C-alpha atoms as a PDB file:
ATOM      1  CA  UNK A   1    -118.613-101.178 -35.640  1.00  0.00           C
ATOM      2  CA  UNK A   2    -120.713 -99.318 -38.237  1.00  0.00           C
ATOM      3  CA  UNK A   3    -123.675 -97.273 -37.037  1.00  0.00           C
ATOM      4  CA  UNK A   4    -127.016 -97.864 -38.764  1.00  0.00           C
ATOM      5  CA  UNK A   5    -128.572 -94.486 -39.639  1.00  0.00           C
ATOM      6  CA  UNK A   6    -131.468 -95.766 -41.780  1.00  0.00           C
ATOM      7  CA  UNK A   7    -134.122 -94.844 -39.206  1.00  0.00           C
ATOM      8  CA  UNK A   8    -132.639 -91.352 -38.705  1.00  0.00           C
ATOM      9  CA  UNK A   9    -132.430 -90.873 -42.471  1.00  0.00           C
ATOM     10  CA  UNK A  10    -136.065 -91.896 -42.934  1.00  0.00           C
ATOM     11  CA  UNK A  11    -137.215 -89.452 -40.227  1.00  0.00           C
ATOM     12  CA  UNK A  12    -135.159 -86.655 -41.818  1.00  0.00           C
ATOM     13  CA  UNK A  13    -136.574 -87.378 -45.295  1.00  0.00           C
ATOM     14  CA  UNK A  14    -140.152 -87.561 -43.991  1.00  0.00           C
ATOM     15  CA  UNK A  15    -139.901 -83.938 -42.845  1.00  0.00           C
ATOM     16  CA  UNK A  16    -138.007 -82.647 -45.902  1.00  0.00           C
ATOM     17  CA  UNK A  17    -139.658 -81.146 -48.972  1.00  0.00           C
ATOM     18  CA  UNK A  18    -140.285 -82.813 -51.519  1.00  0.00           C
ATOM     19  CA  UNK A  19    -140.353 -86.109 -49.600  1.00  0.00           C
ATOM     20  CA  UNK A  20    -142.774 -85.049 -46.854  1.00  0.00           C
ATOM     21  CA  UNK A  21    -145.812 -86.186 -48.854  1.00  0.00           C
ATOM     22  CA  UNK A  22    -144.540 -89.732 -49.392  1.00  0.00           C
ATOM     23  CA  UNK A  23    -145.986 -92.690 -47.556  1.00  0.00           C
ATOM     24  CA  UNK A  24    -144.125 -94.494 -44.785  1.00  0.00           C
ATOM     25  CA  UNK A  25    -142.996 -97.392 -47.008  1.00  0.00           C
ATOM     26  CA  UNK A  26    -141.546 -95.094 -49.660  1.00  0.00           C
ATOM     27  CA  UNK A  27    -139.727 -92.978 -47.060  1.00  0.00           C
ATOM     28  CA  UNK A  28    -138.363 -96.107 -45.358  1.00  0.00           C
ATOM     29  CA  UNK A  29    -137.044 -97.408 -48.710  1.00  0.00           C
ATOM     30  CA  UNK A  30    -135.371 -94.076 -49.434  1.00  0.00           C
ATOM     31  CA  UNK A  31    -133.871 -94.058 -45.949  1.00  0.00           C
ATOM     32  CA  UNK A  32    -132.271 -97.426 -46.681  1.00  0.00           C
ATOM     33  CA  UNK A  33    -130.321 -96.141 -49.687  1.00  0.00           C
ATOM     34  CA  UNK A  34    -129.326 -92.682 -48.448  1.00  0.00           C
ATOM     35  CA  UNK A  35    -125.589 -92.216 -48.019  1.00  0.00           C
ATOM     36  CA  UNK A  36    -124.620 -89.658 -45.418  1.00  0.00           C
ATOM     37  CA  UNK A  37    -121.475 -87.641 -46.030  1.00  0.00           C
ATOM     38  CA  UNK A  38    -119.824 -85.237 -43.644  1.00  0.00           C
ATOM     39  CA  UNK A  39    -117.773 -82.487 -45.244  1.00  0.00           C
ATOM     40  CA  UNK A  40    -115.281 -80.044 -43.826  1.00  0.00           C
ATOM     41  CA  UNK A  41    -116.227 -76.390 -43.727  1.00  0.00           C
ATOM     42  CA  UNK A  42    -115.569 -74.799 -47.122  1.00  0.00           C
ATOM     43  CA  UNK A  43    -115.621 -78.113 -49.007  1.00  0.00           C
ATOM     44  CA  UNK A  44    -117.010 -78.096 -52.561  1.00  0.00           C
ATOM     45  CA  UNK A  45    -120.132 -80.230 -52.933  1.00  0.00           C
ATOM     46  CA  UNK A  46    -120.351 -79.876 -56.708  1.00  0.00           C
ATOM     47  CA  UNK A  47    -119.210 -77.480 -59.413  1.00  0.00           C
ATOM     48  CA  UNK A  48    -121.079 -75.648 -62.186  1.00  0.00           C
ATOM     49  CA  UNK A  49    -121.453 -77.621 -65.410  1.00  0.00           C
ATOM     50  CA  UNK A  50    -120.711 -80.854 -63.564  1.00  0.00           C
ATOM     51  CA  UNK A  51    -122.913 -83.796 -64.562  1.00  0.00           C
ATOM     52  CA  UNK A  52    -125.459 -84.413 -61.801  1.00  0.00           C
ATOM     53  CA  UNK A  53    -125.168 -87.943 -60.449  1.00  0.00           C
ATOM     54  CA  UNK A  54    -126.615 -87.421 -56.956  1.00  0.00           C
ATOM     55  CA  UNK A  55    -129.180 -85.426 -55.031  1.00  0.00           C
ATOM     56  CA  UNK A  56    -127.708 -83.492 -52.112  1.00  0.00           C
ATOM     57  CA  UNK A  57    -129.710 -82.607 -49.021  1.00  0.00           C
ATOM     58  CA  UNK A  58    -128.027 -80.457 -46.421  1.00  0.00           C
ATOM     59  CA  UNK A  59    -129.051 -81.590 -42.973  1.00  0.00           C
ATOM     60  CA  UNK A  60    -126.860 -79.245 -40.958  1.00  0.00           C
ATOM     61  CA  UNK A  61    -124.738 -76.205 -41.677  1.00  0.00           C
ATOM     62  CA  UNK A  62    -124.742 -73.516 -44.323  1.00  0.00           C
ATOM     63  CA  UNK A  63    -124.069 -73.515 -48.000  1.00  0.00           C
ATOM     64  CA  UNK A  64    -122.620 -70.845 -50.201  1.00  0.00           C
ATOM     65  CA  UNK A  65    -123.134 -70.565 -53.945  1.00  0.00           C
ATOM     66  CA  UNK A  66    -120.230 -69.247 -55.952  1.00  0.00           C
ATOM     67  CA  UNK A  67    -120.721 -68.450 -59.627  1.00  0.00           C
END
């Protein structure tokens, strides 16, 4: 059975810059379309010069930039 994370996503977004100033309805709508991905340590999120198709927010863990 799939777990519904919309409420958790909305709470996370509400406390995350630049979304913290949005109203409850806007945050709730964003929370409904957020897709959570879990990546293995060391996984590449995106590469330089790659066309941006998504916005990535890191909820947990560290990130490392390699140029």
